[in-house]
Structures are given as structure tokens and as C-alpha cells.
Amino acid sequence: TSIHCTNINNSTDVQLEVQLVQWNGTDVFTGTATVPPNRSFTFSTQNTTIYFDDVFLGGSPGTPAIYQGSGRILSSSPNVICTAQILDPLNYPPVFMEKLPLYTADGYPVGDIRKLYLPLIHK
């Protein structure tokens, strides 16, 4: 899984945090980054061939297995756009990609909010 976040602010750095949790709420990993203005960062569960992965969620070589887990993206600014993909990390271009829908904490599709929840994190 790769999560791409772009800071669309023209002048201010943004603090981002991606959290992954198990089905029972146990914290698996938290990745943080300071994203400069007009820059994108990629958080990945393992090294990918297609992207330059800025943050490995779980360290190298990658995230431990997550069973029916979830994740969320926290931002210090609403001026961040994020998307998530399931992909085959070993092929360029990836053999399989799927966009994950993003939801608010209340379960609604993403609008103008700072906390986003991923319905499922695949490895």
C-alpha cells in the first residue's frame, strides 16, 4: 500500500502523520513527515519499484502483517490532498493497483477535514 500526500499550501510546511492499527486497535506503526509547500510525500508499507518512498511504514523492509486493520492520516493543515493505492511493489508499472476510498471519522466520504481514515490497509 502506498499513501501519497501533497501539501498544496504555497508558503507553509505541513506536519503529516500516518497511523496503522490492527483489527483490535493495537498500534502497528506511525510514520511522520514534514512536507514543504507544494511538495508530495509517499508513505509505503514496503519499498516500491515505481515510487520514491519517503517514509516506510514499519521501517525496512516494511510493515509487519496487519489483519483487518485500518489506518488514518493526520495533518496540521487542511491544505493537504492524500490518496492511497494498493499495488504490486515489485513491478514497474505495477501489475495491480486499486484506489482506496477515504472517509471522515464519522464514516462519510472525505470532505474538508484534517483527519482521514482508510477503510483497510493491505500489505
PDB file of N, CA and C in Angstrom:
ATOM      1  N   THR A   1       0.849  -1.176   0.000  1.00  0.00           N
ATOM      2  CA  THR A   1       0.000   0.000   0.000  1.00  0.00           C
ATOM      3  C   THR A   1       0.890   1.233   0.000  1.00  0.00           C
ATOM      4  N   SER A   2       0.560   2.196  -0.835  1.00  0.00           N
ATOM      5  CA  SER A   2       1.253   3.487  -0.840  1.00  0.00           C
ATOM      6  C   SER A   2       0.237   4.593  -0.620  1.00  0.00           C
ATOM      7  N   ILE A   3       0.603   5.545   0.210  1.00  0.00           N
ATOM      8  CA  ILE A   3      -0.241   6.701   0.509  1.00  0.00           C
ATOM      9  C   ILE A   3       0.531   7.932   0.068  1.00  0.00           C
ATOM     10  N   HIS A   4      -0.069   8.711  -0.807  1.00  0.00           N
ATOM     11  CA  HIS A   4       0.567   9.910  -1.356  1.00  0.00           C
ATOM     12  C   HIS A   4      -0.147  11.137  -0.798  1.00  0.00           C
ATOM     13  N   CYS A   5       0.607  12.057  -0.226  1.00  0.00           N
ATOM     14  CA  CYS A   5       0.035  13.288   0.313  1.00  0.00           C
ATOM     15  C   CYS A   5       0.786  14.484  -0.268  1.00  0.00           C
ATOM     16  N   THR A   6       0.030  15.493  -0.695  1.00  0.00           N
ATOM     17  CA  THR A   6       0.600  16.707  -1.275  1.00  0.00           C
ATOM     18  C   THR A   6       0.185  17.908  -0.445  1.00  0.00           C
ATOM     19  N   ASN A   7       1.169  18.724  -0.080  1.00  0.00           N
ATOM     20  CA  ASN A   7       0.920  19.979   0.619  1.00  0.00           C
ATOM     21  C   ASN A   7       0.637  21.041  -0.446  1.00  0.00           C
ATOM     22  N   ILE A   8      -0.611  21.481  -0.551  1.00  0.00           N
ATOM     23  CA  ILE A   8      -0.969  22.471  -1.571  1.00  0.00           C
ATOM     24  C   ILE A   8      -0.847  23.904  -1.064  1.00  0.00           C
ATOM     25  N   ASN A   9      -0.303  24.072   0.142  1.00  0.00           N
ATOM     26  CA  ASN A   9      -0.054  25.404   0.681  1.00  0.00           C
ATOM     27  C   ASN A   9       1.162  25.994  -0.029  1.00  0.00           C
ATOM     28  N   ASN A  10       1.113  27.272  -0.368  1.00  0.00           N
ATOM     29  CA  ASN A  10       2.207  27.916  -1.097  1.00  0.00           C
ATOM     30  C   ASN A  10       3.365  28.382  -0.227  1.00  0.00           C
ATOM     31  N   SER A  11       3.170  28.452   1.104  1.00  0.00           N
ATOM     32  CA  SER A  11       4.218  29.072   1.911  1.00  0.00           C
ATOM     33  C   SER A  11       4.539  28.380   3.233  1.00  0.00           C
ATOM     34  N   THR A  12       3.800  27.366   3.643  1.00  0.00           N
ATOM     35  CA  THR A  12       3.978  26.795   4.973  1.00  0.00           C
ATOM     36  C   THR A  12       4.192  25.285   4.918  1.00  0.00           C
ATOM     37  N   ASP A  13       5.164  24.804   5.704  1.00  0.00           N
ATOM     38  CA  ASP A  13       5.339  23.363   5.861  1.00  0.00           C
ATOM     39  C   ASP A  13       4.123  22.770   6.564  1.00  0.00           C
ATOM     40  N   VAL A  14       3.873  21.496   6.319  1.00  0.00           N
ATOM     41  CA  VAL A  14       2.767  20.777   6.951  1.00  0.00           C
ATOM     42  C   VAL A  14       3.328  19.542   7.649  1.00  0.00           C
ATOM     43  N   GLN A  15       2.845  19.276   8.850  1.00  0.00           N
ATOM     44  CA  GLN A  15       3.207  18.058   9.569  1.00  0.00           C
ATOM     45  C   GLN A  15       2.177  16.982   9.235  1.00  0.00           C
ATOM     46  N   LEU A  16       2.644  15.824   8.766  1.00  0.00           N
ATOM     47  CA  LEU A  16       1.763  14.705   8.443  1.00  0.00           C
ATOM     48  C   LEU A  16       2.114  13.513   9.313  1.00  0.00           C
ATOM     49  N   GLU A  17       1.087  12.749   9.648  1.00  0.00           N
ATOM     50  CA  GLU A  17       1.284  11.518  10.397  1.00  0.00           C
ATOM     51  C   GLU A  17       0.353  10.465   9.829  1.00  0.00           C
ATOM     52  N   VAL A  18       0.892   9.302   9.503  1.00  0.00           N
ATOM     53  CA  VAL A  18       0.095   8.171   9.039  1.00  0.00           C
ATOM     54  C   VAL A  18       0.183   7.101  10.118  1.00  0.00           C
ATOM     55  N   GLN A  19      -0.981   6.662  10.606  1.00  0.00           N
ATOM     56  CA  GLN A  19      -1.039   5.659  11.666  1.00  0.00           C
ATOM     57  C   GLN A  19      -1.688   4.390  11.129  1.00  0.00           C
ATOM     58  N   LEU A  20      -1.090   3.238  11.440  1.00  0.00           N
ATOM     59  CA  LEU A  20      -1.642   1.938  11.072  1.00  0.00           C
ATOM     60  C   LEU A  20      -1.958   1.172  12.346  1.00  0.00           C
ATOM     61  N   VAL A  21      -3.135   0.540  12.393  1.00  0.00           N
ATOM     62  CA  VAL A  21      -3.548  -0.213  13.580  1.00  0.00           C
ATOM     63  C   VAL A  21      -4.095  -1.586  13.183  1.00  0.00           C
ATOM     64  N   GLN A  22      -3.963  -2.541  14.101  1.00  0.00           N
ATOM     65  CA  GLN A  22      -4.530  -3.878  13.908  1.00  0.00           C
ATOM     66  C   GLN A  22      -6.041  -3.832  14.125  1.00  0.00           C
ATOM     67  N   TRP A  23      -6.708  -4.929  13.824  1.00  0.00           N
ATOM     68  CA  TRP A  23      -8.155  -5.060  13.982  1.00  0.00           C
ATOM     69  C   TRP A  23      -8.594  -4.783  15.414  1.00  0.00           C
ATOM     70  N   ASN A  24      -7.730  -5.070  16.394  1.00  0.00           N
ATOM     71  CA  ASN A  24      -8.091  -4.896  17.804  1.00  0.00           C
ATOM     72  C   ASN A  24      -7.666  -3.543  18.365  1.00  0.00           C
ATOM     73  N   GLY A  25      -7.193  -2.650  17.510  1.00  0.00           N
ATOM     74  CA  GLY A  25      -6.809  -1.311  17.944  1.00  0.00           C
ATOM     75  C   GLY A  25      -5.352  -1.168  18.344  1.00  0.00           C
ATOM     76  N   THR A  26      -4.593  -2.251  18.292  1.00  0.00           N
ATOM     77  CA  THR A  26      -3.174  -2.202  18.625  1.00  0.00           C
ATOM     78  C   THR A  26      -2.421  -1.401  17.568  1.00  0.00           C
ATOM     79  N   ASP A  27      -1.633  -0.426  18.022  1.00  0.00           N
ATOM     80  CA  ASP A  27      -0.847   0.400  17.105  1.00  0.00           C
ATOM     81  C   ASP A  27       0.239  -0.445  16.458  1.00  0.00           C
ATOM     82  N   VAL A  28       0.291  -0.436  15.126  1.00  0.00           N
ATOM     83  CA  VAL A  28       1.308  -1.178  14.390  1.00  0.00           C
ATOM     84  C   VAL A  28       2.482  -0.264  14.061  1.00  0.00           C
ATOM     85  N   PHE A  29       2.182   0.914  13.527  1.00  0.00           N
ATOM     86  CA  PHE A  29       3.248   1.836  13.170  1.00  0.00           C
ATOM     87  C   PHE A  29       2.679   3.223  12.948  1.00  0.00           C
ATOM     88  N   THR A  30       3.490   4.219  13.272  1.00  0.00           N
ATOM     89  CA  THR A  30       3.166   5.608  12.984  1.00  0.00           C
ATOM     90  C   THR A  30       4.339   6.209  12.221  1.00  0.00           C
ATOM     91  N   GLY A  31       4.043   6.774  11.048  1.00  0.00           N
ATOM     92  CA  GLY A  31       5.067   7.437  10.249  1.00  0.00           C
ATOM     93  C   GLY A  31       4.789   8.926  10.192  1.00  0.00           C
ATOM     94  N   THR A  32       5.815   9.742  10.368  1.00  0.00           N
ATOM     95  CA  THR A  32       5.640  11.190  10.347  1.00  0.00           C
ATOM     96  C   THR A  32       6.557  11.816   9.304  1.00  0.00           C
ATOM     97  N   ALA A  33       6.146  12.982   8.841  1.00  0.00           N
ATOM     98  CA  ALA A  33       6.954  13.720   7.869  1.00  0.00           C
ATOM     99  C   ALA A  33       6.596  15.193   7.927  1.00  0.00           C
ATOM    100  N   THR A  34       7.575  16.035   7.660  1.00  0.00           N
ATOM    101  CA  THR A  34       7.352  17.458   7.456  1.00  0.00           C
ATOM    102  C   THR A  34       7.396  17.682   5.952  1.00  0.00           C
ATOM    103  N   VAL A  35       6.272  18.123   5.389  1.00  0.00           N
ATOM    104  CA  VAL A  35       6.158  18.272   3.940  1.00  0.00           C
ATOM    105  C   VAL A  35       6.230  19.754   3.582  1.00  0.00           C
ATOM    106  N   PRO A  36       7.237  20.161   2.816  1.00  0.00           N
ATOM    107  CA  PRO A  36       7.363  21.559   2.398  1.00  0.00           C
ATOM    108  C   PRO A  36       6.218  21.972   1.466  1.00  0.00           C
ATOM    109  N   PRO A  37       6.041  23.283   1.269  1.00  0.00           N
ATOM    110  CA  PRO A  37       4.984  23.777   0.376  1.00  0.00           C
ATOM    111  C   PRO A  37       5.096  23.188  -1.032  1.00  0.00           C
ATOM    112  N   ASN A  38       3.952  22.863  -1.608  1.00  0.00           N
ATOM    113  CA  ASN A  38       3.854  22.362  -2.988  1.00  0.00           C
ATOM    114  C   ASN A  38       4.700  21.116  -3.238  1.00  0.00           C
ATOM    115  N   ARG A  39       4.839  20.284  -2.244  1.00  0.00           N
ATOM    116  CA  ARG A  39       5.632  19.054  -2.362  1.00  0.00           C
ATOM    117  C   ARG A  39       4.778  17.857  -1.980  1.00  0.00           C
ATOM    118  N   SER A  40       5.064  16.721  -2.577  1.00  0.00           N
ATOM    119  CA  SER A  40       4.368  15.471  -2.269  1.00  0.00           C
ATOM    120  C   SER A  40       5.300  14.509  -1.548  1.00  0.00           C
ATOM    121  N   PHE A  41       4.730  13.727  -0.631  1.00  0.00           N
ATOM    122  CA  PHE A  41       5.460  12.678   0.069  1.00  0.00           C
ATOM    123  C   PHE A  41       4.713  11.371  -0.122  1.00  0.00           C
ATOM    124  N   THR A  42       5.460  10.270  -0.154  1.00  0.00           N
ATOM    125  CA  THR A  42       4.861   8.947  -0.285  1.00  0.00           C
ATOM    126  C   THR A  42       5.214   8.105   0.933  1.00  0.00           C
ATOM    127  N   PHE A  43       4.178   7.584   1.580  1.00  0.00           N
ATOM    128  CA  PHE A  43       4.315   6.646   2.690  1.00  0.00           C
ATOM    129  C   PHE A  43       3.969   5.273   2.119  1.00  0.00           C
ATOM    130  N   SER A  44       4.840   4.282   2.280  1.00  0.00           N
ATOM    131  CA  SER A  44       4.568   2.950   1.735  1.00  0.00           C
ATOM    132  C   SER A  44       4.814   1.876   2.786  1.00  0.00           C
ATOM    133  N   THR A  45       4.049   0.787   2.678  1.00  0.00           N
ATOM    134  CA  THR A  45       4.223  -0.323   3.609  1.00  0.00           C
ATOM    135  C   THR A  45       5.462  -1.146   3.290  1.00  0.00           C
ATOM    136  N   GLN A  46       6.000  -0.984   2.086  1.00  0.00           N
ATOM    137  CA  GLN A  46       7.277  -1.599   1.719  1.00  0.00           C
ATOM    138  C   GLN A  46       7.850  -0.867   0.517  1.00  0.00           C
ATOM    139  N   ASN A  47       9.114  -1.117   0.223  1.00  0.00           N
ATOM    140  CA  ASN A  47       9.769  -0.451  -0.893  1.00  0.00           C
ATOM    141  C   ASN A  47       9.058  -0.792  -2.198  1.00  0.00           C
ATOM    142  N   THR A  48       8.802   0.223  -3.026  1.00  0.00           N
ATOM    143  CA  THR A  48       8.151   0.010  -4.317  1.00  0.00           C
ATOM    144  C   THR A  48       9.121   0.341  -5.442  1.00  0.00           C
ATOM    145  N   THR A  49       8.907  -0.287  -6.585  1.00  0.00           N
ATOM    146  CA  THR A  49       9.741  -0.038  -7.753  1.00  0.00           C
ATOM    147  C   THR A  49       9.319   1.235  -8.471  1.00  0.00           C
ATOM    148  N   ILE A  50       8.032   1.568  -8.405  1.00  0.00           N
ATOM    149  CA  ILE A  50       7.503   2.685  -9.186  1.00  0.00           C
ATOM    150  C   ILE A  50       7.652   4.039  -8.491  1.00  0.00           C
ATOM    151  N   TYR A  51       7.651   4.081  -7.155  1.00  0.00           N
ATOM    152  CA  TYR A  51       7.682   5.355  -6.435  1.00  0.00           C
ATOM    153  C   TYR A  51       8.977   5.516  -5.651  1.00  0.00           C
ATOM    154  N   PHE A  52       9.318   6.783  -5.379  1.00  0.00           N
ATOM    155  CA  PHE A  52      10.352   7.079  -4.399  1.00  0.00           C
ATOM    156  C   PHE A  52       9.625   7.159  -3.065  1.00  0.00           C
ATOM    157  N   ASP A  53       9.821   6.171  -2.222  1.00  0.00           N
ATOM    158  CA  ASP A  53       9.104   6.093  -0.952  1.00  0.00           C
ATOM    159  C   ASP A  53       9.828   6.938   0.091  1.00  0.00           C
ATOM    160  N   ASP A  54       9.174   8.017   0.547  1.00  0.00           N
ATOM    161  CA  ASP A  54       9.796   8.912   1.521  1.00  0.00           C
ATOM    162  C   ASP A  54       9.808   8.312   2.917  1.00  0.00           C
ATOM    163  N   VAL A  55       8.726   7.613   3.285  1.00  0.00           N
ATOM    164  CA  VAL A  55       8.598   7.031   4.621  1.00  0.00           C
ATOM    165  C   VAL A  55       8.131   5.587   4.475  1.00  0.00           C
ATOM    166  N   PHE A  56       8.872   4.657   5.098  1.00  0.00           N
ATOM    167  CA  PHE A  56       8.431   3.265   5.145  1.00  0.00           C
ATOM    168  C   PHE A  56       7.627   3.066   6.419  1.00  0.00           C
ATOM    169  N   LEU A  57       6.392   2.666   6.272  1.00  0.00           N
ATOM    170  CA  LEU A  57       5.523   2.424   7.419  1.00  0.00           C
ATOM    171  C   LEU A  57       5.896   1.080   8.025  1.00  0.00           C
ATOM    172  N   GLY A  58       6.677   1.101   9.073  1.00  0.00           N
ATOM    173  CA  GLY A  58       7.152  -0.117   9.705  1.00  0.00           C
ATOM    174  C   GLY A  58       8.649  -0.267   9.599  1.00  0.00           C
ATOM    175  N   GLY A  59       9.298   0.684   8.950  1.00  0.00           N
ATOM    176  CA  GLY A  59      10.738   0.605   8.779  1.00  0.00           C
ATOM    177  C   GLY A  59      11.106  -0.368   7.680  1.00  0.00           C
ATOM    178  N   SER A  60      12.376  -0.603   7.504  1.00  0.00           N
ATOM    179  CA  SER A  60      12.836  -1.510   6.463  1.00  0.00           C
ATOM    180  C   SER A  60      12.890  -2.923   7.038  1.00  0.00           C
ATOM    181  N   PRO A  61      12.383  -3.947   6.385  1.00  0.00           N
ATOM    182  CA  PRO A  61      11.947  -3.996   4.999  1.00  0.00           C
ATOM    183  C   PRO A  61      10.490  -3.603   4.784  1.00  0.00           C
ATOM    184  N   GLY A  62       9.709  -3.389   5.834  1.00  0.00           N
ATOM    185  CA  GLY A  62       8.320  -2.987   5.629  1.00  0.00           C
ATOM    186  C   GLY A  62       7.458  -3.286   6.840  1.00  0.00           C
ATOM    187  N   THR A  63       6.170  -3.018   6.673  1.00  0.00           N
ATOM    188  CA  THR A  63       5.200  -3.163   7.745  1.00  0.00           C
ATOM    189  C   THR A  63       4.975  -4.625   8.092  1.00  0.00           C
ATOM    190  N   PRO A  64       4.900  -4.958   9.400  1.00  0.00           N
ATOM    191  CA  PRO A  64       4.508  -6.315   9.751  1.00  0.00           C
ATOM    192  C   PRO A  64       3.073  -6.571   9.287  1.00  0.00           C
ATOM    193  N   ALA A  65       2.675  -7.824   9.249  1.00  0.00           N
ATOM    194  CA  ALA A  65       1.331  -8.167   8.775  1.00  0.00           C
ATOM    195  C   ALA A  65       0.263  -7.452   9.594  1.00  0.00           C
ATOM    196  N   ILE A  66      -0.731  -6.929   8.896  1.00  0.00           N
ATOM    197  CA  ILE A  66      -1.869  -6.268   9.531  1.00  0.00           C
ATOM    198  C   ILE A  66      -3.105  -7.068   9.153  1.00  0.00           C
ATOM    199  N   TYR A  67      -3.853  -7.503  10.148  1.00  0.00           N
ATOM    200  CA  TYR A  67      -5.025  -8.337   9.903  1.00  0.00           C
ATOM    201  C   TYR A  67      -6.290  -7.522  10.128  1.00  0.00           C
ATOM    202  N   GLN A  68      -7.022  -7.268   9.061  1.00  0.00           N
ATOM    203  CA  GLN A  68      -8.265  -6.492   9.115  1.00  0.00           C
ATOM    204  C   GLN A  68      -8.048  -5.178   9.853  1.00  0.00           C
ATOM    205  N   GLY A  69      -6.931  -4.563   9.599  1.00  0.00           N
ATOM    206  CA  GLY A  69      -6.579  -3.331  10.277  1.00  0.00           C
ATOM    207  C   GLY A  69      -7.108  -2.107   9.561  1.00  0.00           C
ATOM    208  N   SER A  70      -6.671  -0.981  10.031  1.00  0.00           N
ATOM    209  CA  SER A  70      -7.085   0.289   9.434  1.00  0.00           C
ATOM    210  C   SER A  70      -5.948   1.283   9.594  1.00  0.00           C
ATOM    211  N   GLY A  71      -6.162   2.452   9.078  1.00  0.00           N
ATOM    212  CA  GLY A  71      -5.168   3.499   9.194  1.00  0.00           C
ATOM    213  C   GLY A  71      -5.835   4.851   9.126  1.00  0.00           C
ATOM    214  N   ARG A  72      -5.082   5.862   9.489  1.00  0.00           N
ATOM    215  CA  ARG A  72      -5.594   7.224   9.357  1.00  0.00           C
ATOM    216  C   ARG A  72      -4.445   8.165   9.073  1.00  0.00           C
ATOM    217  N   ILE A  73      -4.805   9.299   8.466  1.00  0.00           N
ATOM    218  CA  ILE A  73      -3.837  10.330   8.116  1.00  0.00           C
ATOM    219  C   ILE A  73      -4.197  11.578   8.906  1.00  0.00           C
ATOM    220  N   LEU A  74      -3.236  12.109   9.649  1.00  0.00           N
ATOM    221  CA  LEU A  74      -3.436  13.335  10.415  1.00  0.00           C
ATOM    222  C   LEU A  74      -2.574  14.426   9.792  1.00  0.00           C
ATOM    223  N   SER A  75      -3.099  15.647   9.764  1.00  0.00           N
ATOM    224  CA  SER A  75      -2.384  16.762   9.158  1.00  0.00           C
ATOM    225  C   SER A  75      -2.524  18.005  10.023  1.00  0.00           C
ATOM    226  N   SER A  76      -1.482  18.826  10.038  1.00  0.00           N
ATOM    227  CA  SER A  76      -1.535  20.086  10.777  1.00  0.00           C
ATOM    228  C   SER A  76      -2.242  21.179   9.980  1.00  0.00           C
ATOM    229  N   SER A  77      -2.672  20.869   8.761  1.00  0.00           N
ATOM    230  CA  SER A  77      -3.324  21.852   7.892  1.00  0.00           C
ATOM    231  C   SER A  77      -4.383  21.168   7.035  1.00  0.00           C
ATOM    232  N   PRO A  78      -5.457  21.894   6.704  1.00  0.00           N
ATOM    233  CA  PRO A  78      -6.445  21.327   5.776  1.00  0.00           C
ATOM    234  C   PRO A  78      -5.967  21.377   4.321  1.00  0.00           C
ATOM    235  N   ASN A  79      -4.827  22.025   4.070  1.00  0.00           N
ATOM    236  CA  ASN A  79      -4.320  22.186   2.702  1.00  0.00           C
ATOM    237  C   ASN A  79      -3.461  21.002   2.266  1.00  0.00           C
ATOM    238  N   VAL A  80      -3.978  19.810   2.486  1.00  0.00           N
ATOM    239  CA  VAL A  80      -3.285  18.581   2.122  1.00  0.00           C
ATOM    240  C   VAL A  80      -4.257  17.690   1.361  1.00  0.00           C
ATOM    241  N   ILE A  81      -3.780  17.116   0.270  1.00  0.00           N
ATOM    242  CA  ILE A  81      -4.572  16.162  -0.506  1.00  0.00           C
ATOM    243  C   ILE A  81      -3.847  14.826  -0.438  1.00  0.00           C
ATOM    244  N   CYS A  82      -4.572  13.764  -0.058  1.00  0.00           N
ATOM    245  CA  CYS A  82      -3.972  12.436   0.039  1.00  0.00           C
ATOM    246  C   CYS A  82      -4.784  11.424  -0.754  1.00  0.00           C
ATOM    247  N   THR A  83      -4.103  10.426  -1.253  1.00  0.00           N
ATOM    248  CA  THR A  83      -4.755   9.286  -1.885  1.00  0.00           C
ATOM    249  C   THR A  83      -3.961   8.045  -1.503  1.00  0.00           C
ATOM    250  N   ALA A  84      -4.620   6.905  -1.560  1.00  0.00           N
ATOM    251  CA  ALA A  84      -3.963   5.644  -1.205  1.00  0.00           C
ATOM    252  C   ALA A  84      -4.169   4.635  -2.317  1.00  0.00           C
ATOM    253  N   GLN A  85      -3.181   3.763  -2.486  1.00  0.00           N
ATOM    254  CA  GLN A  85      -3.247   2.752  -3.539  1.00  0.00           C
ATOM    255  C   GLN A  85      -2.771   1.405  -3.013  1.00  0.00           C
ATOM    256  N   ILE A  86      -3.422   0.360  -3.490  1.00  0.00           N
ATOM    257  CA  ILE A  86      -2.906  -0.990  -3.300  1.00  0.00           C
ATOM    258  C   ILE A  86      -2.160  -1.316  -4.579  1.00  0.00           C
ATOM    259  N   LEU A  87      -0.916  -1.767  -4.458  1.00  0.00           N
ATOM    260  CA  LEU A  87      -0.149  -2.037  -5.668  1.00  0.00           C
ATOM    261  C   LEU A  87       0.849  -3.153  -5.441  1.00  0.00           C
ATOM    262  N   ASP A  88       1.279  -3.729  -6.534  1.00  0.00           N
ATOM    263  CA  ASP A  88       2.343  -4.723  -6.507  1.00  0.00           C
ATOM    264  C   ASP A  88       3.656  -3.951  -6.428  1.00  0.00           C
ATOM    265  N   PRO A  89       4.383  -4.029  -5.318  1.00  0.00           N
ATOM    266  CA  PRO A  89       5.562  -3.188  -5.147  1.00  0.00           C
ATOM    267  C   PRO A  89       6.758  -3.586  -6.005  1.00  0.00           C
ATOM    268  N   LEU A  90       6.737  -4.766  -6.598  1.00  0.00           N
ATOM    269  CA  LEU A  90       7.920  -5.274  -7.290  1.00  0.00           C
ATOM    270  C   LEU A  90       7.943  -5.006  -8.780  1.00  0.00           C
ATOM    271  N   ASN A  91       6.847  -4.544  -9.360  1.00  0.00           N
ATOM    272  CA  ASN A  91       6.794  -4.367 -10.804  1.00  0.00           C
ATOM    273  C   ASN A  91       6.627  -2.904 -11.195  1.00  0.00           C
ATOM    274  N   TYR A  92       7.231  -2.539 -12.327  1.00  0.00           N
ATOM    275  CA  TYR A  92       7.108  -1.186 -12.860  1.00  0.00           C
ATOM    276  C   TYR A  92       6.700  -1.287 -14.323  1.00  0.00           C
ATOM    277  N   PRO A  93       5.497  -0.881 -14.687  1.00  0.00           N
ATOM    278  CA  PRO A  93       4.441  -0.394 -13.794  1.00  0.00           C
ATOM    279  C   PRO A  93       3.855  -1.539 -12.982  1.00  0.00           C
ATOM    280  N   PRO A  94       3.203  -1.210 -11.865  1.00  0.00           N
ATOM    281  CA  PRO A  94       2.620  -2.252 -11.024  1.00  0.00           C
ATOM    282  C   PRO A  94       1.615  -3.095 -11.802  1.00  0.00           C
ATOM    283  N   VAL A  95       1.580  -4.378 -11.485  1.00  0.00           N
ATOM    284  CA  VAL A  95       0.643  -5.294 -12.124  1.00  0.00           C
ATOM    285  C   VAL A  95      -0.781  -4.975 -11.698  1.00  0.00           C
ATOM    286  N   PHE A  96      -0.972  -4.580 -10.443  1.00  0.00           N
ATOM    287  CA  PHE A  96      -2.317  -4.370  -9.914  1.00  0.00           C
ATOM    288  C   PHE A  96      -2.334  -3.124  -9.052  1.00  0.00           C
ATOM    289  N   MET A  97      -3.262  -2.245  -9.313  1.00  0.00           N
ATOM    290  CA  MET A  97      -3.427  -1.045  -8.494  1.00  0.00           C
ATOM    291  C   MET A  97      -4.902  -0.876  -8.193  1.00  0.00           C
ATOM    292  N   GLU A  98      -5.200  -0.385  -7.021  1.00  0.00           N
ATOM    293  CA  GLU A  98      -6.577  -0.116  -6.641  1.00  0.00           C
ATOM    294  C   GLU A  98      -6.598   1.113  -5.749  1.00  0.00           C
ATOM    295  N   LYS A  99      -7.480   2.033  -6.043  1.00  0.00           N
ATOM    296  CA  LYS A  99      -7.632   3.231  -5.225  1.00  0.00           C
ATOM    297  C   LYS A  99      -8.517   2.896  -4.031  1.00  0.00           C
ATOM    298  N   LEU A 100      -8.074   3.284  -2.854  1.00  0.00           N
ATOM    299  CA  LEU A 100      -8.873   3.072  -1.655  1.00  0.00           C
ATOM    300  C   LEU A 100      -9.722   4.300  -1.382  1.00  0.00           C
ATOM    301  N   PRO A 101     -11.010   4.121  -1.106  1.00  0.00           N
ATOM    302  CA  PRO A 101     -11.827   5.275  -0.748  1.00  0.00           C
ATOM    303  C   PRO A 101     -11.403   5.801   0.625  1.00  0.00           C
ATOM    304  N   LEU A 102     -11.527   7.102   0.838  1.00  0.00           N
ATOM    305  CA  LEU A 102     -11.179   7.723   2.112  1.00  0.00           C
ATOM    306  C   LEU A 102     -12.438   8.246   2.779  1.00  0.00           C
ATOM    307  N   TYR A 103     -12.478   8.131   4.110  1.00  0.00           N
ATOM    308  CA  TYR A 103     -13.658   8.514   4.874  1.00  0.00           C
ATOM    309  C   TYR A 103     -13.268   9.397   6.053  1.00  0.00           C
ATOM    310  N   THR A 104     -14.230  10.203   6.513  1.00  0.00           N
ATOM    311  CA  THR A 104     -14.028  11.004   7.715  1.00  0.00           C
ATOM    312  C   THR A 104     -14.203  10.113   8.934  1.00  0.00           C
ATOM    313  N   ALA A 105     -13.916  10.650  10.116  1.00  0.00           N
ATOM    314  CA  ALA A 105     -14.075   9.896  11.356  1.00  0.00           C
ATOM    315  C   ALA A 105     -15.517   9.459  11.571  1.00  0.00           C
ATOM    316  N   ASP A 106     -16.473  10.173  10.976  1.00  0.00           N
ATOM    317  CA  ASP A 106     -17.889   9.833  11.108  1.00  0.00           C
ATOM    318  C   ASP A 106     -18.362   8.844  10.050  1.00  0.00           C
ATOM    319  N   GLY A 107     -17.461   8.406   9.183  1.00  0.00           N
ATOM    320  CA  GLY A 107     -17.821   7.420   8.178  1.00  0.00           C
ATOM    321  C   GLY A 107     -18.339   7.983   6.872  1.00  0.00           C
ATOM    322  N   TYR A 108     -18.214   9.291   6.672  1.00  0.00           N
ATOM    323  CA  TYR A 108     -18.668   9.914   5.432  1.00  0.00           C
ATOM    324  C   TYR A 108     -17.499  10.047   4.455  1.00  0.00           C
ATOM    325  N   PRO A 109     -17.776  10.041   3.150  1.00  0.00           N
ATOM    326  CA  PRO A 109     -16.695  10.267   2.191  1.00  0.00           C
ATOM    327  C   PRO A 109     -15.980  11.581   2.495  1.00  0.00           C
ATOM    328  N   VAL A 110     -14.703  11.635   2.172  1.00  0.00           N
ATOM    329  CA  VAL A 110     -13.852  12.769   2.525  1.00  0.00           C
ATOM    330  C   VAL A 110     -14.402  14.083   2.000  1.00  0.00           C
ATOM    331  N   GLY A 111     -14.393  15.064   2.875  1.00  0.00           N
ATOM    332  CA  GLY A 111     -14.732  16.438   2.524  1.00  0.00           C
ATOM    333  C   GLY A 111     -13.581  17.309   2.991  1.00  0.00           C
ATOM    334  N   ASP A 112     -13.868  18.455   3.559  1.00  0.00           N
ATOM    335  CA  ASP A 112     -12.848  19.372   4.056  1.00  0.00           C
ATOM    336  C   ASP A 112     -12.601  19.074   5.532  1.00  0.00           C
ATOM    337  N   ILE A 113     -11.699  18.148   5.820  1.00  0.00           N
ATOM    338  CA  ILE A 113     -11.419  17.740   7.194  1.00  0.00           C
ATOM    339  C   ILE A 113      -9.943  17.372   7.310  1.00  0.00           C
ATOM    340  N   ARG A 114      -9.401  17.407   8.500  1.00  0.00           N
ATOM    341  CA  ARG A 114      -7.978  17.129   8.689  1.00  0.00           C
ATOM    342  C   ARG A 114      -7.681  15.669   9.019  1.00  0.00           C
ATOM    343  N   LYS A 115      -8.661  14.925   9.547  1.00  0.00           N
ATOM    344  CA  LYS A 115      -8.428  13.525   9.874  1.00  0.00           C
ATOM    345  C   LYS A 115      -9.116  12.650   8.849  1.00  0.00           C
ATOM    346  N   LEU A 116      -8.364  11.789   8.188  1.00  0.00           N
ATOM    347  CA  LEU A 116      -8.905  10.882   7.186  1.00  0.00           C
ATOM    348  C   LEU A 116      -8.651   9.456   7.628  1.00  0.00           C
ATOM    349  N   TYR A 117      -9.603   8.573   7.378  1.00  0.00           N
ATOM    350  CA  TYR A 117      -9.478   7.179   7.763  1.00  0.00           C
ATOM    351  C   TYR A 117      -9.500   6.299   6.536  1.00  0.00           C
ATOM    352  N   LEU A 118      -8.561   5.396   6.450  1.00  0.00           N
ATOM    353  CA  LEU A 118      -8.538   4.432   5.362  1.00  0.00           C
ATOM    354  C   LEU A 118      -9.368   3.233   5.807  1.00  0.00           C
ATOM    355  N   PRO A 119     -10.222   2.706   4.955  1.00  0.00           N
ATOM    356  CA  PRO A 119     -11.052   1.585   5.370  1.00  0.00           C
ATOM    357  C   PRO A 119     -10.265   0.308   5.599  1.00  0.00           C
ATOM    358  N   LEU A 120      -9.142   0.141   4.927  1.00  0.00           N
ATOM    359  CA  LEU A 120      -8.373  -1.087   5.062  1.00  0.00           C
ATOM    360  C   LEU A 120      -6.974  -0.854   4.528  1.00  0.00           C
ATOM    361  N   ILE A 121      -5.980  -1.357   5.216  1.00  0.00           N
ATOM    362  CA  ILE A 121      -4.604  -1.284   4.744  1.00  0.00           C
ATOM    363  C   ILE A 121      -4.192  -2.689   4.329  1.00  0.00           C
ATOM    364  N   HIS A 122      -3.791  -2.849   3.084  1.00  0.00           N
ATOM    365  CA  HIS A 122      -3.325  -4.139   2.582  1.00  0.00           C
ATOM    366  C   HIS A 122      -1.815  -4.152   2.558  1.00  0.00           C
ATOM    367  N   LYS A 123      -1.247  -5.325   2.681  1.00  0.00           N
ATOM    368  CA  LYS A 123       0.203  -5.460   2.541  1.00  0.00           C
ATOM    369  C   LYS A 123       0.488  -6.368   1.373  1.00  0.00           C
TER     370      LYS A 123
END
